[in-house]
Amino acid sequence: MQKKLKRNLSLGLFIVAVFLISGCSGLKTYPNTHKKNLSISTELKTSAFLGLGSVKASMHIYNVDSKCQTEYMGTVKLYGKKTEVGIPSGKTSFLSFSFDTSSFFGGTSGSVTNGTLLKPRKGNTYDITATYIDDIYNVEIFRIGKGRYKKQEVESRSLSECKAK
């Protein structure tokens, strides 16, 4: 039990370190070569005085192996409207959404993240809405499938919920 907690803590610290380094642009662009199965809509609005601030959003993609260890695959910048991304079907990925804010007058900046495990089903697509409006962020994922469940919300799962095989 303590070994698992230590591993999850180490993994969490690693992911936080990746986000801190992202300000230095040490992140690589996700190759996005798989069949497009994620459609991400982004709405970003800052509450900064007179709108003199900015919010930038990114999605960091990690492969997750059977031991729940992650491998960073790259980052996709989310500019609003729709961004189409392909991740491997039938394999677990960890999608980490980061919202980076800055204010012109206050000289302040910040970053918040929201991540989830996702194992896309073959033949399904996923609609994702990532919003940051007036200092409140939200990420919603819906699976679009065939049959009687045409659109179904996907519950967010943290990396610590991964079960090693």
Protein backbone atom coordinates (compact mmCIF):
# COMPACT_ATOMS: atom_id res chain seq x y z
CA MET A 1 0.00 0.00 0.00
CA GLN A 2 2.75 2.43 0.94
CA LYS A 3 4.71 1.49 -2.20
CA LYS A 4 1.67 2.30 -4.38
CA LEU A 5 1.16 5.63 -2.61
CA LYS A 6 4.85 6.47 -3.08
CA ARG A 7 4.65 5.59 -6.79
CA ASN A 8 1.50 7.70 -7.29
CA LEU A 9 3.09 10.59 -5.42
CA SER A 10 6.23 10.34 -7.56
CA LEU A 11 4.14 10.26 -10.72
CA GLY A 12 2.10 13.24 -9.55
CA LEU A 13 5.26 15.22 -8.81
CA PHE A 14 6.62 14.32 -12.25
CA ILE A 15 3.48 15.65 -13.94
CA VAL A 16 3.60 18.86 -11.89
CA ALA A 17 7.26 19.28 -12.90
CA VAL A 18 6.29 18.94 -16.57
CA PHE A 19 3.77 21.76 -16.16
CA LEU A 20 6.28 24.00 -14.40
CA ILE A 21 8.78 23.42 -17.17
CA SER A 22 6.13 24.19 -19.79
CA GLY A 23 6.71 27.89 -19.16
CA CYS A 24 10.19 27.31 -20.63
CA SER A 25 8.61 25.72 -23.70
CA GLY A 26 10.31 22.38 -23.08
CA LEU A 27 7.20 20.54 -24.24
CA LYS A 28 7.04 18.74 -27.54
CA THR A 29 4.17 18.95 -29.99
CA TYR A 30 2.00 15.84 -30.07
CA PRO A 31 2.50 14.08 -33.46
CA ASN A 32 -1.29 13.59 -33.91
CA THR A 33 -0.91 10.76 -36.46
CA HIS A 34 -3.71 8.47 -35.21
CA LYS A 35 -7.23 8.49 -36.62
CA LYS A 36 -8.97 11.56 -35.20
CA ASN A 37 -11.26 10.40 -32.39
CA LEU A 38 -11.24 13.43 -30.07
CA SER A 39 -12.96 16.70 -30.91
CA ILE A 40 -12.07 19.39 -28.37
CA SER A 41 -14.04 22.64 -28.09
CA THR A 42 -12.43 25.34 -25.99
CA GLU A 43 -13.88 28.53 -24.52
CA LEU A 44 -11.44 30.80 -22.68
CA LYS A 45 -12.35 34.10 -21.01
CA THR A 46 -10.37 35.95 -18.39
CA SER A 47 -11.78 38.00 -15.54
CA ALA A 48 -8.79 40.36 -15.65
CA PHE A 49 -9.52 44.08 -15.35
CA LEU A 50 -10.82 45.45 -18.68
CA GLY A 51 -10.03 42.12 -20.29
CA LEU A 52 -6.30 42.88 -20.17
CA GLY A 53 -5.27 39.35 -19.43
CA SER A 54 -5.05 36.10 -21.25
CA VAL A 55 -5.81 32.43 -20.85
CA LYS A 56 -4.09 29.71 -22.85
CA ALA A 57 -5.13 26.08 -22.84
CA SER A 58 -3.22 22.91 -23.71
CA MET A 59 -3.83 19.19 -23.59
CA HIS A 60 -0.85 17.02 -22.59
CA ILE A 61 -1.09 13.41 -23.75
CA TYR A 62 0.52 10.45 -21.99
CA ASN A 63 0.47 6.75 -22.84
CA VAL A 64 -0.31 4.61 -19.77
CA ASP A 65 1.13 1.09 -19.68
CA SER A 66 -0.15 -2.00 -17.84
CA LYS A 67 1.88 -0.99 -14.75
CA CYS A 68 0.18 2.44 -14.73
CA GLN A 69 3.41 4.16 -15.70
CA THR A 70 3.11 7.11 -18.05
CA GLU A 71 5.07 8.11 -21.12
CA TYR A 72 4.73 11.71 -22.26
CA MET A 73 3.73 11.77 -25.94
CA GLY A 74 3.31 15.49 -26.53
CA THR A 75 1.14 18.56 -26.13
CA VAL A 76 -1.67 20.00 -28.24
CA LYS A 77 -2.39 23.71 -27.92
CA LEU A 78 -6.11 24.44 -27.75
CA TYR A 79 -7.01 27.67 -29.50
CA GLY A 80 -10.77 27.58 -29.24
CA LYS A 81 -13.42 26.41 -31.66
CA LYS A 82 -12.64 22.76 -32.53
CA THR A 83 -9.34 20.92 -32.35
CA GLU A 84 -9.25 17.39 -33.77
CA VAL A 85 -6.84 14.92 -32.15
CA GLY A 86 -6.24 11.19 -32.54
CA ILE A 87 -5.14 8.93 -29.69
CA PRO A 88 -4.83 5.12 -29.85
CA SER A 89 -8.12 3.20 -29.47
CA GLY A 90 -8.16 0.33 -27.01
CA LYS A 91 -5.18 1.71 -25.08
CA THR A 92 -5.26 3.81 -21.93
CA SER A 93 -4.10 7.40 -22.18
CA PHE A 94 -3.89 10.15 -19.59
CA LEU A 95 -5.14 13.51 -20.87
CA SER A 96 -4.04 16.47 -18.80
CA PHE A 97 -5.62 19.84 -19.55
CA SER A 98 -3.76 22.94 -18.41
CA PHE A 99 -5.09 26.48 -18.28
CA ASP A 100 -2.40 29.15 -18.02
CA THR A 101 -3.46 32.67 -17.08
CA SER A 102 -1.70 36.00 -17.03
CA SER A 103 -2.75 39.54 -16.18
CA PHE A 104 -1.22 42.60 -17.81
CA PHE A 105 -1.67 45.11 -14.95
CA GLY A 106 -1.38 42.80 -11.96
CA GLY A 107 1.72 41.09 -13.29
CA THR A 108 0.26 37.84 -12.05
CA SER A 109 0.14 34.48 -13.70
CA GLY A 110 -1.10 31.07 -12.75
CA SER A 111 -1.78 27.60 -13.97
CA VAL A 112 -4.43 25.01 -13.15
CA THR A 113 -4.68 21.48 -14.46
CA ASN A 114 -7.36 18.85 -14.82
CA GLY A 115 -6.53 15.33 -15.97
CA THR A 116 -8.32 12.08 -16.70
CA LEU A 117 -7.62 8.54 -17.79
CA LEU A 118 -9.30 7.62 -21.06
CA LYS A 119 -9.36 4.34 -22.97
CA PRO A 120 -11.12 5.15 -26.25
CA ARG A 121 -13.35 2.44 -27.68
CA LYS A 122 -12.72 1.45 -31.26
CA GLY A 123 -15.26 3.04 -33.59
CA ASN A 124 -16.28 5.70 -31.04
CA THR A 125 -15.48 9.38 -31.04
CA TYR A 126 -15.25 11.72 -28.07
CA ASP A 127 -16.52 15.30 -27.73
CA ILE A 128 -14.55 17.25 -25.15
CA THR A 129 -15.42 20.71 -23.88
CA ALA A 130 -12.67 22.56 -22.02
CA THR A 131 -13.66 25.92 -20.56
CA TYR A 132 -11.99 28.57 -18.43
CA ILE A 133 -14.39 31.43 -17.74
CA ASP A 134 -13.89 34.02 -15.00
CA ASP A 135 -11.39 31.89 -13.04
CA ILE A 136 -13.52 28.72 -13.18
CA TYR A 137 -12.35 25.81 -15.29
CA ASN A 138 -14.21 22.70 -16.40
CA VAL A 139 -13.56 19.72 -18.66
CA GLU A 140 -16.39 17.49 -19.89
CA ILE A 141 -15.99 14.39 -22.04
CA PHE A 142 -18.78 12.66 -23.97
CA ARG A 143 -18.47 9.38 -25.84
CA ILE A 144 -20.31 9.26 -29.15
CA GLY A 145 -21.04 5.65 -29.97
CA LYS A 146 -23.36 3.48 -31.96
CA GLY A 147 -26.44 1.67 -30.76
CA ARG A 148 -28.80 2.75 -28.04
CA TYR A 149 -26.22 4.88 -26.18
CA LYS A 150 -25.47 7.49 -28.82
CA LYS A 151 -23.99 10.12 -26.48
CA GLN A 152 -22.83 9.32 -22.98
CA GLU A 153 -20.82 11.37 -20.47
CA VAL A 154 -17.46 9.85 -19.55
CA GLU A 155 -16.65 10.09 -15.86
CA SER A 156 -13.30 11.68 -15.07
CA ARG A 157 -10.75 9.26 -13.57
CA SER A 158 -7.56 10.39 -11.90
CA LEU A 159 -4.23 8.74 -12.57
CA SER A 160 -4.29 7.28 -9.05
CA GLU A 161 -7.34 5.20 -10.09
CA CYS A 162 -5.25 3.27 -12.63
CA LYS A 163 -5.01 -0.41 -11.72
CA ALA A 164 -1.70 -2.12 -12.56
CA LYS A 165 -1.98 -5.54 -14.18
